[in-house]
Structures are given as C-alpha cells and as structure tokens.
Amino acid sequence: MATLIAISQFTTLPLMFLSSAVMDLHLAPSWVGNVARYNPVEWAVVAARQAMLAPTDWSTVWTRLVLLAAAVLVMGLLATRAFGAYRKSA
C-alpha cells in the first residue's frame, strides 16, 4: 500500500507544479505553459475554475472534462494491458 501511495505522489506532484494550480501561467516560464497545455491536472484546474465563474463558459468545461475522460480511458486500457502482460509472464 505504501508503494502505491509513493508512486501516486511521485507522478502527481510534478504535474501539480506544472499547472496553474500552484502559479499563474503568465508568471511562470513559457515552457511551463507549453507543458501545462498537455497536463491532465491543468485540464481539471481549468474546468473547475470555469465552472465556478459567474458567466460559466460551459464549452471549456465540457471540453476539459471530455479530455480528462479520454485520458482516464487510455490510462485504464494501458494499465489493463500491462497487468495482463504481467500475469502471462508470471
């Protein structure tokens, strides 16, 4: 269990720092903005911010949520294949 927690922290913390969750991307170096464009944590942050604004931009919210759902689907499929390959090798 501790290994799973360590792995999740090892992957999530860098993604948090490479998004606008910690710092406004206008204040960060330009390469951070480029990385944030493909960062799923940034997609979630933008969707949450847009959903809480008074004039909500629902197209942005739904676009980001669809991107997150696609990322979850792809990662789930990859994890399932990796686990299947691991079971066959054991």
N, C-alpha and C. Protein backbone atom coordinates (compact mmCIF):
# COMPACT_ATOMS: atom_id res chain seq x y z
N MET A 1 0.83 -1.19 0.00
CA MET A 1 0.00 0.00 0.00
C MET A 1 0.87 1.26 0.00
N ALA A 2 1.94 1.25 0.78
CA ALA A 2 2.81 2.41 0.84
C ALA A 2 3.48 2.65 -0.51
N THR A 3 3.75 1.58 -1.24
CA THR A 3 4.36 1.72 -2.56
C THR A 3 3.41 2.44 -3.52
N LEU A 4 2.13 2.10 -3.47
CA LEU A 4 1.15 2.76 -4.34
C LEU A 4 1.03 4.24 -4.01
N ILE A 5 1.06 4.57 -2.73
CA ILE A 5 1.00 5.97 -2.33
C ILE A 5 2.24 6.70 -2.83
N ALA A 6 3.40 6.08 -2.70
CA ALA A 6 4.63 6.71 -3.16
C ALA A 6 4.60 6.94 -4.68
N ILE A 7 4.12 5.95 -5.42
CA ILE A 7 4.05 6.08 -6.88
C ILE A 7 3.09 7.20 -7.27
N SER A 8 1.94 7.27 -6.60
CA SER A 8 0.98 8.33 -6.94
C SER A 8 1.53 9.71 -6.62
N GLN A 9 2.23 9.84 -5.50
CA GLN A 9 2.85 11.12 -5.15
C GLN A 9 3.97 11.48 -6.13
N PHE A 10 4.72 10.49 -6.54
CA PHE A 10 5.83 10.71 -7.48
C PHE A 10 5.33 11.23 -8.82
N THR A 11 4.15 10.80 -9.24
CA THR A 11 3.62 11.25 -10.53
C THR A 11 2.75 12.50 -10.41
N THR A 12 2.02 12.64 -9.31
CA THR A 12 1.09 13.78 -9.22
C THR A 12 1.75 15.08 -8.84
N LEU A 13 2.70 15.05 -7.95
CA LEU A 13 3.31 16.30 -7.51
C LEU A 13 3.96 17.09 -8.66
N PRO A 14 4.76 16.47 -9.52
CA PRO A 14 5.29 17.26 -10.64
C PRO A 14 4.20 17.81 -11.55
N LEU A 15 3.13 17.04 -11.75
CA LEU A 15 2.03 17.53 -12.59
C LEU A 15 1.35 18.73 -11.95
N MET A 16 1.23 18.74 -10.62
CA MET A 16 0.63 19.88 -9.93
C MET A 16 1.48 21.13 -10.13
N PHE A 17 2.80 21.00 -10.01
CA PHE A 17 3.66 22.16 -10.15
C PHE A 17 3.78 22.64 -11.60
N LEU A 18 3.45 21.78 -12.55
CA LEU A 18 3.47 22.17 -13.96
C LEU A 18 2.07 22.50 -14.46
N SER A 19 1.28 23.11 -13.59
CA SER A 19 -0.07 23.55 -13.95
C SER A 19 -0.32 24.90 -13.30
N SER A 20 -1.48 25.46 -13.60
CA SER A 20 -1.82 26.75 -12.99
C SER A 20 -2.45 26.57 -11.61
N ALA A 21 -2.43 25.36 -11.06
CA ALA A 21 -2.94 25.13 -9.72
C ALA A 21 -2.05 25.79 -8.68
N VAL A 22 -0.77 25.91 -8.95
CA VAL A 22 0.18 26.47 -8.00
C VAL A 22 0.49 27.92 -8.32
N MET A 23 0.71 28.24 -9.60
CA MET A 23 1.11 29.58 -10.00
C MET A 23 0.44 29.95 -11.32
N ASP A 24 0.09 31.21 -11.45
CA ASP A 24 -0.47 31.70 -12.71
C ASP A 24 0.54 31.45 -13.84
N LEU A 25 0.07 30.89 -14.93
CA LEU A 25 0.97 30.54 -16.03
C LEU A 25 1.60 31.76 -16.68
N HIS A 26 1.00 32.94 -16.51
CA HIS A 26 1.60 34.16 -17.04
C HIS A 26 2.86 34.55 -16.28
N LEU A 27 2.96 34.10 -15.03
CA LEU A 27 4.13 34.40 -14.20
C LEU A 27 5.21 33.33 -14.33
N ALA A 28 4.84 32.18 -14.84
CA ALA A 28 5.78 31.05 -14.97
C ALA A 28 6.56 31.17 -16.27
N PRO A 29 7.68 30.45 -16.37
CA PRO A 29 8.41 30.43 -17.64
C PRO A 29 7.53 29.87 -18.76
N SER A 30 7.84 30.24 -19.98
CA SER A 30 6.99 29.84 -21.12
C SER A 30 6.93 28.33 -21.30
N TRP A 31 7.99 27.61 -20.96
CA TRP A 31 7.97 26.17 -21.14
C TRP A 31 6.96 25.50 -20.20
N VAL A 32 6.69 26.12 -19.05
CA VAL A 32 5.69 25.57 -18.14
C VAL A 32 4.30 25.67 -18.77
N GLY A 33 4.05 26.77 -19.46
CA GLY A 33 2.78 26.91 -20.18
C GLY A 33 2.63 25.88 -21.28
N ASN A 34 3.72 25.58 -21.96
CA ASN A 34 3.68 24.56 -23.02
C ASN A 34 3.40 23.18 -22.44
N VAL A 35 4.03 22.87 -21.31
CA VAL A 35 3.79 21.58 -20.66
C VAL A 35 2.37 21.51 -20.12
N ALA A 36 1.88 22.62 -19.56
CA ALA A 36 0.54 22.65 -18.97
C ALA A 36 -0.55 22.40 -20.00
N ARG A 37 -0.29 22.74 -21.25
CA ARG A 37 -1.28 22.53 -22.30
C ARG A 37 -1.63 21.04 -22.44
N TYR A 38 -0.68 20.15 -22.13
CA TYR A 38 -0.90 18.70 -22.27
C TYR A 38 -1.02 18.00 -20.91
N ASN A 39 -1.15 18.75 -19.85
CA ASN A 39 -1.17 18.23 -18.49
C ASN A 39 -2.61 17.98 -18.05
N PRO A 40 -2.98 16.74 -17.71
CA PRO A 40 -4.35 16.47 -17.27
C PRO A 40 -4.74 17.23 -15.99
N VAL A 41 -3.79 17.51 -15.12
CA VAL A 41 -4.10 18.28 -13.92
C VAL A 41 -4.54 19.69 -14.32
N GLU A 42 -3.89 20.26 -15.31
CA GLU A 42 -4.27 21.59 -15.80
C GLU A 42 -5.68 21.56 -16.40
N TRP A 43 -6.01 20.49 -17.11
CA TRP A 43 -7.36 20.38 -17.67
C TRP A 43 -8.40 20.41 -16.55
N ALA A 44 -8.13 19.70 -15.47
CA ALA A 44 -9.07 19.67 -14.34
C ALA A 44 -9.15 21.03 -13.66
N VAL A 45 -8.01 21.70 -13.51
CA VAL A 45 -7.99 23.02 -12.87
C VAL A 45 -8.80 24.02 -13.70
N VAL A 46 -8.59 24.03 -15.00
CA VAL A 46 -9.30 24.96 -15.87
C VAL A 46 -10.80 24.66 -15.85
N ALA A 47 -11.18 23.40 -15.90
CA ALA A 47 -12.60 23.04 -15.87
C ALA A 47 -13.24 23.50 -14.56
N ALA A 48 -12.56 23.28 -13.45
CA ALA A 48 -13.10 23.70 -12.15
C ALA A 48 -13.22 25.21 -12.06
N ARG A 49 -12.22 25.93 -12.52
CA ARG A 49 -12.28 27.39 -12.48
C ARG A 49 -13.40 27.93 -13.36
N GLN A 50 -13.52 27.39 -14.56
CA GLN A 50 -14.57 27.86 -15.47
C GLN A 50 -15.95 27.55 -14.92
N ALA A 51 -16.11 26.42 -14.25
CA ALA A 51 -17.41 26.05 -13.69
C ALA A 51 -17.82 26.96 -12.55
N MET A 52 -16.84 27.54 -11.85
CA MET A 52 -17.15 28.41 -10.71
C MET A 52 -17.30 29.88 -11.07
N LEU A 53 -16.97 30.27 -12.28
CA LEU A 53 -17.11 31.66 -12.68
C LEU A 53 -18.58 32.01 -12.86
N ALA A 54 -18.90 33.29 -12.66
CA ALA A 54 -20.30 33.73 -12.78
C ALA A 54 -20.83 33.49 -14.19
N PRO A 55 -20.20 34.04 -15.24
CA PRO A 55 -20.65 33.64 -16.58
C PRO A 55 -19.86 32.40 -17.01
N THR A 56 -20.38 31.25 -16.68
CA THR A 56 -19.67 29.99 -16.92
C THR A 56 -19.52 29.71 -18.41
N ASP A 57 -18.31 29.40 -18.82
CA ASP A 57 -18.03 29.02 -20.20
C ASP A 57 -18.14 27.49 -20.28
N TRP A 58 -19.34 26.99 -20.52
CA TRP A 58 -19.59 25.56 -20.48
C TRP A 58 -18.86 24.81 -21.59
N SER A 59 -18.58 25.46 -22.69
CA SER A 59 -17.85 24.75 -23.75
C SER A 59 -16.44 24.40 -23.28
N THR A 60 -15.80 25.30 -22.54
CA THR A 60 -14.48 25.00 -21.99
C THR A 60 -14.57 23.90 -20.94
N VAL A 61 -15.57 23.99 -20.08
CA VAL A 61 -15.73 22.97 -19.03
C VAL A 61 -15.92 21.60 -19.65
N TRP A 62 -16.83 21.48 -20.62
CA TRP A 62 -17.10 20.17 -21.22
C TRP A 62 -15.92 19.67 -22.04
N THR A 63 -15.22 20.57 -22.72
CA THR A 63 -14.04 20.15 -23.48
C THR A 63 -13.00 19.56 -22.56
N ARG A 64 -12.72 20.25 -21.45
CA ARG A 64 -11.72 19.74 -20.50
C ARG A 64 -12.17 18.44 -19.85
N LEU A 65 -13.45 18.31 -19.54
CA LEU A 65 -13.94 17.07 -18.94
C LEU A 65 -13.86 15.90 -19.93
N VAL A 66 -14.13 16.16 -21.20
CA VAL A 66 -14.00 15.11 -22.22
C VAL A 66 -12.54 14.70 -22.36
N LEU A 67 -11.62 15.67 -22.34
CA LEU A 67 -10.20 15.34 -22.40
C LEU A 67 -9.78 14.50 -21.19
N LEU A 68 -10.28 14.86 -20.02
CA LEU A 68 -9.96 14.07 -18.82
C LEU A 68 -10.52 12.65 -18.92
N ALA A 69 -11.76 12.52 -19.41
CA ALA A 69 -12.35 11.19 -19.56
C ALA A 69 -11.57 10.35 -20.56
N ALA A 70 -11.12 10.97 -21.64
CA ALA A 70 -10.32 10.25 -22.63
C ALA A 70 -8.99 9.81 -22.03
N ALA A 71 -8.36 10.68 -21.23
CA ALA A 71 -7.10 10.31 -20.59
C ALA A 71 -7.30 9.16 -19.61
N VAL A 72 -8.40 9.18 -18.87
CA VAL A 72 -8.69 8.09 -17.93
C VAL A 72 -8.92 6.78 -18.69
N LEU A 73 -9.64 6.86 -19.79
CA LEU A 73 -9.89 5.66 -20.60
C LEU A 73 -8.60 5.08 -21.15
N VAL A 74 -7.75 5.92 -21.72
CA VAL A 74 -6.48 5.44 -22.29
C VAL A 74 -5.59 4.85 -21.19
N MET A 75 -5.48 5.55 -20.07
CA MET A 75 -4.64 5.04 -18.98
C MET A 75 -5.19 3.74 -18.41
N GLY A 76 -6.50 3.63 -18.34
CA GLY A 76 -7.11 2.38 -17.86
C GLY A 76 -6.83 1.22 -18.81
N LEU A 77 -6.94 1.48 -20.11
CA LEU A 77 -6.64 0.43 -21.09
C LEU A 77 -5.17 0.02 -21.04
N LEU A 78 -4.28 1.01 -20.94
CA LEU A 78 -2.86 0.70 -20.84
C LEU A 78 -2.54 -0.09 -19.58
N ALA A 79 -3.14 0.29 -18.47
CA ALA A 79 -2.90 -0.43 -17.21
C ALA A 79 -3.43 -1.86 -17.30
N THR A 80 -4.59 -2.04 -17.92
CA THR A 80 -5.15 -3.38 -18.07
C THR A 80 -4.26 -4.26 -18.94
N ARG A 81 -3.76 -3.69 -20.04
CA ARG A 81 -2.85 -4.46 -20.90
C ARG A 81 -1.56 -4.80 -20.19
N ALA A 82 -1.03 -3.84 -19.44
CA ALA A 82 0.23 -4.10 -18.70
C ALA A 82 0.02 -5.17 -17.64
N PHE A 83 -1.11 -5.13 -16.96
CA PHE A 83 -1.38 -6.14 -15.95
C PHE A 83 -1.57 -7.50 -16.59
N GLY A 84 -2.25 -7.55 -17.75
CA GLY A 84 -2.41 -8.81 -18.45
C GLY A 84 -1.08 -9.40 -18.89
N ALA A 85 -0.20 -8.54 -19.41
CA ALA A 85 1.12 -9.00 -19.81
C ALA A 85 1.94 -9.48 -18.61
N TYR A 86 1.78 -8.80 -17.50
CA TYR A 86 2.49 -9.21 -16.27
C TYR A 86 1.99 -10.57 -15.79
N ARG A 87 0.69 -10.79 -15.83
CA ARG A 87 0.13 -12.08 -15.40
C ARG A 87 0.59 -13.22 -16.29
N LYS A 88 0.71 -12.96 -17.60
CA LYS A 88 1.16 -14.01 -18.51
C LYS A 88 2.63 -14.34 -18.30
N SER A 89 3.42 -13.34 -17.89
CA SER A 89 4.85 -13.59 -17.71
C SER A 89 5.14 -14.30 -16.38
N ALA A 90 4.23 -14.23 -15.45
CA ALA A 90 4.48 -14.83 -14.12
C ALA A 90 4.14 -16.29 -14.07
